[in-house]
Amino acid sequence: MLAFDIETATKVIKSRNSSKAAESGGFVLWQMNPDMWYVELALGGCKIYAGCNGKLVWRHTPRLGPHVTKGPVRLLRRALQGLDPRTTASMFTNARCIGEKKINGEDCFILKLCADPHILKARSEGPAEIIRHVLFGYFSQKTGLLVHLEDSHLTRIQSNGTNAVYWETTINSFLDDYRPVEGIMIAHSG
């Protein structure tokens, strides 16, 4: 299903198109703990490359070309976070438990993690201001393993003399089929 909402100061456009099939793609990830990584992602005919050498984060996208990202060095983000259980565990150490929810028939604790305002300000650039970046981790009450990750990012974009545009992206990742790999439980499906 493809869904989006576009909202400006004067109008709201909503689209829910369940007739469109989901895009398929793949990725390759190399990681050296904790802050050196490289990922290649191919989706919908586009390729995105991103990496971090421990000192700076860069990416290459079809729209922006190659560029260094603004703000502090950060761990591998967004949809790929749930792949490394050690990174996931360290990421949620300062999270707050906000409740419980059943995910795919499994009782889960919900942990919420918000990016600090000074980090958001450091990552904002030009007319784009990052307003909010929130992660929700749904962890099985029975096993303690991550079964669902929701990553929400809200950006306000306003050029001189134009109406502000708010751009929110939310990525939902489900993880299952956990099996031990060298003594660590790793999701093999999702």
C-alpha atoms as a PDB file:
ATOM      1  CA  MET A   1       0.000   0.000   0.000  1.00  0.00           C
ATOM      2  CA  LEU A   2       1.204   3.485  -0.836  1.00  0.00           C
ATOM      3  CA  ALA A   3       0.003   6.311   1.413  1.00  0.00           C
ATOM      4  CA  PHE A   4       0.971   9.938   1.852  1.00  0.00           C
ATOM      5  CA  ASP A   5      -0.348  13.218   3.257  1.00  0.00           C
ATOM      6  CA  ILE A   6       0.855  16.601   2.036  1.00  0.00           C
ATOM      7  CA  GLU A   7      -0.132  19.607   4.137  1.00  0.00           C
ATOM      8  CA  THR A   8       0.622  23.279   3.490  1.00  0.00           C
ATOM      9  CA  ALA A   9      -0.729  26.414   5.161  1.00  0.00           C
ATOM     10  CA  THR A  10      -3.654  26.501   2.726  1.00  0.00           C
ATOM     11  CA  LYS A  11      -4.435  22.887   1.760  1.00  0.00           C
ATOM     12  CA  VAL A  12      -4.173  19.210   2.679  1.00  0.00           C
ATOM     13  CA  ILE A  13      -3.700  16.452   0.103  1.00  0.00           C
ATOM     14  CA  LYS A  14      -4.242  12.864   1.226  1.00  0.00           C
ATOM     15  CA  SER A  15      -3.671   9.784  -0.874  1.00  0.00           C
ATOM     16  CA  ARG A  16      -4.298   6.191   0.075  1.00  0.00           C
ATOM     17  CA  ASN A  17      -3.776   3.890  -2.877  1.00  0.00           C
ATOM     18  CA  SER A  18      -4.041   0.252  -1.913  1.00  0.00           C
ATOM     19  CA  SER A  19      -4.003  -0.882  -5.547  1.00  0.00           C
ATOM     20  CA  LYS A  20      -0.294  -0.111  -5.888  1.00  0.00           C
ATOM     21  CA  ALA A  21       2.011  -2.948  -4.989  1.00  0.00           C
ATOM     22  CA  ALA A  22       4.767  -2.366  -2.481  1.00  0.00           C
ATOM     23  CA  GLU A  23       8.176  -1.610  -3.925  1.00  0.00           C
ATOM     24  CA  SER A  24      10.751  -4.342  -3.615  1.00  0.00           C
ATOM     25  CA  GLY A  25      14.462  -3.893  -3.335  1.00  0.00           C
ATOM     26  CA  GLY A  26      17.506  -4.929  -1.421  1.00  0.00           C
ATOM     27  CA  PHE A  27      20.499  -3.671   0.465  1.00  0.00           C
ATOM     28  CA  VAL A  28      24.041  -4.595   1.406  1.00  0.00           C
ATOM     29  CA  LEU A  29      25.440  -3.466   4.742  1.00  0.00           C
ATOM     30  CA  TRP A  30      28.988  -3.508   6.077  1.00  0.00           C
ATOM     31  CA  GLN A  31      29.519  -2.461   9.685  1.00  0.00           C
ATOM     32  CA  MET A  32      32.485  -2.125  12.031  1.00  0.00           C
ATOM     33  CA  ASN A  33      31.173  -1.458  15.545  1.00  0.00           C
ATOM     34  CA  PRO A  34      30.080   0.996  16.635  1.00  0.00           C
ATOM     35  CA  ASP A  35      30.302   3.938  14.258  1.00  0.00           C
ATOM     36  CA  MET A  36      31.900   2.809  11.003  1.00  0.00           C
ATOM     37  CA  TRP A  37      29.505   1.529   8.351  1.00  0.00           C
ATOM     38  CA  TYR A  38      28.568   1.560   4.681  1.00  0.00           C
ATOM     39  CA  VAL A  39      25.225   0.672   3.093  1.00  0.00           C
ATOM     40  CA  GLU A  40      23.986   0.355  -0.489  1.00  0.00           C
ATOM     41  CA  LEU A  41      20.195   0.400  -0.904  1.00  0.00           C
ATOM     42  CA  ALA A  42      18.351  -0.260  -4.174  1.00  0.00           C
ATOM     43  CA  LEU A  43      14.609   0.405  -4.209  1.00  0.00           C
ATOM     44  CA  GLY A  44      12.168   1.327  -6.948  1.00  0.00           C
ATOM     45  CA  GLY A  45      14.864   1.753  -9.586  1.00  0.00           C
ATOM     46  CA  CYS A  46      16.939   4.102  -7.393  1.00  0.00           C
ATOM     47  CA  LYS A  47      20.195   3.491  -5.568  1.00  0.00           C
ATOM     48  CA  ILE A  48      21.255   5.214  -2.378  1.00  0.00           C
ATOM     49  CA  TYR A  49      24.697   4.905  -0.824  1.00  0.00           C
ATOM     50  CA  ALA A  50      25.626   6.053   2.675  1.00  0.00           C
ATOM     51  CA  GLY A  51      28.565   5.606   4.991  1.00  0.00           C
ATOM     52  CA  CYS A  52      30.386   6.742   8.088  1.00  0.00           C
ATOM     53  CA  ASN A  53      34.140   6.538   8.717  1.00  0.00           C
ATOM     54  CA  GLY A  54      33.777   7.380  12.418  1.00  0.00           C
ATOM     55  CA  LYS A  55      34.361  11.091  11.810  1.00  0.00           C
ATOM     56  CA  LEU A  56      31.757  12.093   9.231  1.00  0.00           C
ATOM     57  CA  VAL A  57      28.575  10.716   7.697  1.00  0.00           C
ATOM     58  CA  TRP A  58      28.023  10.983   3.958  1.00  0.00           C
ATOM     59  CA  ARG A  59      25.480   9.789   1.436  1.00  0.00           C
ATOM     60  CA  HIS A  60      24.846   9.741  -2.290  1.00  0.00           C
ATOM     61  CA  THR A  61      21.233  10.041  -3.425  1.00  0.00           C
ATOM     62  CA  PRO A  62      19.782  10.445  -6.930  1.00  0.00           C
ATOM     63  CA  ARG A  63      18.233  13.809  -5.986  1.00  0.00           C
ATOM     64  CA  LEU A  64      21.126  15.423  -4.075  1.00  0.00           C
ATOM     65  CA  GLY A  65      24.162  13.565  -5.395  1.00  0.00           C
ATOM     66  CA  PRO A  66      27.095  12.973  -3.017  1.00  0.00           C
ATOM     67  CA  HIS A  67      27.156  15.095   0.132  1.00  0.00           C
ATOM     68  CA  VAL A  68      28.272  15.127   3.751  1.00  0.00           C
ATOM     69  CA  THR A  69      25.426  15.166   6.265  1.00  0.00           C
ATOM     70  CA  LYS A  70      25.277  17.938   8.811  1.00  0.00           C
ATOM     71  CA  GLY A  71      25.478  17.360  12.552  1.00  0.00           C
ATOM     72  CA  PRO A  72      27.309  14.919  14.785  1.00  0.00           C
ATOM     73  CA  VAL A  73      28.422  11.434  13.774  1.00  0.00           C
ATOM     74  CA  ARG A  74      25.654   8.985  14.533  1.00  0.00           C
ATOM     75  CA  LEU A  75      25.095   5.292  14.466  1.00  0.00           C
ATOM     76  CA  LEU A  76      23.484   3.599  11.481  1.00  0.00           C
ATOM     77  CA  ARG A  77      19.961   4.981  11.374  1.00  0.00           C
ATOM     78  CA  ARG A  78      16.415   4.406  10.211  1.00  0.00           C
ATOM     79  CA  ALA A  79      15.216   1.093   8.777  1.00  0.00           C
ATOM     80  CA  LEU A  80      18.499  -0.776   9.230  1.00  0.00           C
ATOM     81  CA  GLN A  81      18.825  -0.155  12.967  1.00  0.00           C
ATOM     82  CA  GLY A  82      17.094  -3.344  14.053  1.00  0.00           C
ATOM     83  CA  LEU A  83      19.604  -5.535  12.217  1.00  0.00           C
ATOM     84  CA  ASP A  84      22.366  -5.238  14.803  1.00  0.00           C
ATOM     85  CA  PRO A  85      21.125  -6.311  18.259  1.00  0.00           C
ATOM     86  CA  ARG A  86      24.048  -4.660  20.072  1.00  0.00           C
ATOM     87  CA  THR A  87      23.419  -1.294  18.412  1.00  0.00           C
ATOM     88  CA  THR A  88      19.691  -1.644  19.045  1.00  0.00           C
ATOM     89  CA  ALA A  89      20.240  -2.425  22.730  1.00  0.00           C
ATOM     90  CA  SER A  90      22.594   0.529  23.218  1.00  0.00           C
ATOM     91  CA  MET A  91      20.281   2.823  21.288  1.00  0.00           C
ATOM     92  CA  PHE A  92      17.352   2.218  23.659  1.00  0.00           C
ATOM     93  CA  THR A  93      19.275   2.484  26.965  1.00  0.00           C
ATOM     94  CA  ASN A  94      17.882   5.994  27.612  1.00  0.00           C
ATOM     95  CA  ALA A  95      14.409   5.249  26.233  1.00  0.00           C
ATOM     96  CA  ARG A  96      11.215   5.630  28.222  1.00  0.00           C
ATOM     97  CA  CYS A  97       8.606   2.860  28.511  1.00  0.00           C
ATOM     98  CA  ILE A  98       5.298   4.358  27.371  1.00  0.00           C
ATOM     99  CA  GLY A  99       3.020   1.326  27.441  1.00  0.00           C
ATOM    100  CA  GLU A 100       2.232  -2.053  26.012  1.00  0.00           C
ATOM    101  CA  LYS A 101       0.799  -3.262  22.710  1.00  0.00           C
ATOM    102  CA  LYS A 102       0.159  -6.548  20.936  1.00  0.00           C
ATOM    103  CA  ILE A 103       2.234  -6.878  17.749  1.00  0.00           C
ATOM    104  CA  ASN A 104       1.469  -9.880  15.522  1.00  0.00           C
ATOM    105  CA  GLY A 105      -0.141 -11.640  18.492  1.00  0.00           C
ATOM    106  CA  GLU A 106       2.814 -11.002  20.811  1.00  0.00           C
ATOM    107  CA  ASP A 107       2.612  -8.843  23.955  1.00  0.00           C
ATOM    108  CA  CYS A 108       5.232  -6.083  23.711  1.00  0.00           C
ATOM    109  CA  PHE A 109       6.611  -3.221  25.770  1.00  0.00           C
ATOM    110  CA  ILE A 110       6.832   0.068  23.861  1.00  0.00           C
ATOM    111  CA  LEU A 111      10.030   2.065  24.369  1.00  0.00           C
ATOM    112  CA  LYS A 112      10.153   5.652  23.066  1.00  0.00           C
ATOM    113  CA  LEU A 113      13.345   7.511  22.250  1.00  0.00           C
ATOM    114  CA  CYS A 114      13.385  11.186  21.158  1.00  0.00           C
ATOM    115  CA  ALA A 115      16.374  12.975  19.644  1.00  0.00           C
ATOM    116  CA  ASP A 116      17.645  15.856  21.787  1.00  0.00           C
ATOM    117  CA  PRO A 117      16.738  19.375  20.537  1.00  0.00           C
ATOM    118  CA  HIS A 118      20.426  20.393  20.223  1.00  0.00           C
ATOM    119  CA  ILE A 119      21.065  17.352  17.982  1.00  0.00           C
ATOM    120  CA  LEU A 120      18.066  18.273  15.812  1.00  0.00           C
ATOM    121  CA  LYS A 121      19.334  21.841  15.508  1.00  0.00           C
ATOM    122  CA  ALA A 122      22.818  20.630  14.522  1.00  0.00           C
ATOM    123  CA  ARG A 123      21.322  18.399  11.809  1.00  0.00           C
ATOM    124  CA  SER A 124      19.067  21.158  10.404  1.00  0.00           C
ATOM    125  CA  GLU A 125      20.390  22.890   7.329  1.00  0.00           C
ATOM    126  CA  GLY A 126      19.353  25.897   5.225  1.00  0.00           C
ATOM    127  CA  PRO A 127      15.581  26.105   4.795  1.00  0.00           C
ATOM    128  CA  ALA A 128      15.112  22.618   6.306  1.00  0.00           C
ATOM    129  CA  GLU A 129      14.572  22.479  10.069  1.00  0.00           C
ATOM    130  CA  ILE A 130      14.305  19.055  11.686  1.00  0.00           C
ATOM    131  CA  ILE A 131      11.516  19.409  14.226  1.00  0.00           C
ATOM    132  CA  ARG A 132      11.228  15.890  15.591  1.00  0.00           C
ATOM    133  CA  HIS A 133      12.933  12.506  15.339  1.00  0.00           C
ATOM    134  CA  VAL A 134      11.307   9.749  17.400  1.00  0.00           C
ATOM    135  CA  LEU A 135      11.915   5.996  17.594  1.00  0.00           C
ATOM    136  CA  PHE A 136       9.444   3.502  19.014  1.00  0.00           C
ATOM    137  CA  GLY A 137      10.805   0.044  19.787  1.00  0.00           C
ATOM    138  CA  TYR A 138       8.336  -2.766  20.439  1.00  0.00           C
ATOM    139  CA  PHE A 139      10.073  -5.467  22.484  1.00  0.00           C
ATOM    140  CA  SER A 140       8.583  -8.901  23.213  1.00  0.00           C
ATOM    141  CA  GLN A 141       7.593  -9.299  26.865  1.00  0.00           C
ATOM    142  CA  LYS A 142       8.431 -12.995  26.599  1.00  0.00           C
ATOM    143  CA  THR A 143      11.865 -12.881  24.925  1.00  0.00           C
ATOM    144  CA  GLY A 144      12.982  -9.239  25.189  1.00  0.00           C
ATOM    145  CA  LEU A 145      13.723  -9.221  21.445  1.00  0.00           C
ATOM    146  CA  LEU A 146      12.808  -6.328  19.146  1.00  0.00           C
ATOM    147  CA  VAL A 147       9.797  -7.274  17.002  1.00  0.00           C
ATOM    148  CA  HIS A 148       8.801  -3.892  15.543  1.00  0.00           C
ATOM    149  CA  LEU A 149      10.667  -0.621  15.009  1.00  0.00           C
ATOM    150  CA  GLU A 150       8.920   2.629  14.079  1.00  0.00           C
ATOM    151  CA  ASP A 151      11.092   5.589  13.088  1.00  0.00           C
ATOM    152  CA  SER A 152       9.375   8.966  12.576  1.00  0.00           C
ATOM    153  CA  HIS A 153      11.116  12.084  11.279  1.00  0.00           C
ATOM    154  CA  LEU A 154       9.393  15.512  10.879  1.00  0.00           C
ATOM    155  CA  THR A 155      11.066  18.305   8.897  1.00  0.00           C
ATOM    156  CA  ARG A 156       9.829  21.853   8.273  1.00  0.00           C
ATOM    157  CA  ILE A 157      10.963  23.361   4.964  1.00  0.00           C
ATOM    158  CA  GLN A 158      10.457  27.069   4.262  1.00  0.00           C
ATOM    159  CA  SER A 159      12.274  29.184   1.716  1.00  0.00           C
ATOM    160  CA  ASN A 160      12.104  32.969   1.904  1.00  0.00           C
ATOM    161  CA  GLY A 161       8.631  34.262   1.083  1.00  0.00           C
ATOM    162  CA  THR A 162       6.984  30.842   0.717  1.00  0.00           C
ATOM    163  CA  ASN A 163       4.595  28.832   2.851  1.00  0.00           C
ATOM    164  CA  ALA A 164       6.146  26.264   5.156  1.00  0.00           C
ATOM    165  CA  VAL A 165       5.966  22.631   4.083  1.00  0.00           C
ATOM    166  CA  TYR A 166       6.058  19.910   6.736  1.00  0.00           C
ATOM    167  CA  TRP A 167       7.566  16.635   5.560  1.00  0.00           C
ATOM    168  CA  GLU A 168       7.117  13.591   7.776  1.00  0.00           C
ATOM    169  CA  THR A 169       8.554  10.198   7.016  1.00  0.00           C
ATOM    170  CA  THR A 170       7.766   7.128   9.061  1.00  0.00           C
ATOM    171  CA  ILE A 171       9.438   3.789   8.512  1.00  0.00           C
ATOM    172  CA  ASN A 172       7.971   0.655  10.069  1.00  0.00           C
ATOM    173  CA  SER A 173      10.171  -2.432  10.265  1.00  0.00           C
ATOM    174  CA  PHE A 174       9.059  -5.820  11.558  1.00  0.00           C
ATOM    175  CA  LEU A 175      11.596  -8.405  12.694  1.00  0.00           C
ATOM    176  CA  ASP A 176      11.007 -12.112  13.243  1.00  0.00           C
ATOM    177  CA  ASP A 177      12.436 -15.598  12.775  1.00  0.00           C
ATOM    178  CA  TYR A 178      15.149 -15.013  15.379  1.00  0.00           C
ATOM    179  CA  ARG A 179      17.926 -17.619  15.355  1.00  0.00           C
ATOM    180  CA  PRO A 180      21.266 -17.744  17.173  1.00  0.00           C
ATOM    181  CA  VAL A 181      24.352 -16.658  15.223  1.00  0.00           C
ATOM    182  CA  GLU A 182      27.565 -17.052  17.221  1.00  0.00           C
ATOM    183  CA  GLY A 183      25.502 -16.936  20.414  1.00  0.00           C
ATOM    184  CA  ILE A 184      23.532 -13.795  19.478  1.00  0.00           C
ATOM    185  CA  MET A 185      19.852 -13.916  18.476  1.00  0.00           C
ATOM    186  CA  ILE A 186      19.550 -12.386  14.990  1.00  0.00           C
ATOM    187  CA  ALA A 187      16.309 -11.752  13.060  1.00  0.00           C
ATOM    188  CA  HIS A 188      16.347 -13.614   9.748  1.00  0.00           C
ATOM    189  CA  SER A 189      13.054 -12.280   8.433  1.00  0.00           C
ATOM    190  CA  GLY A 190      10.908  -9.211   8.613  1.00  0.00           C
END
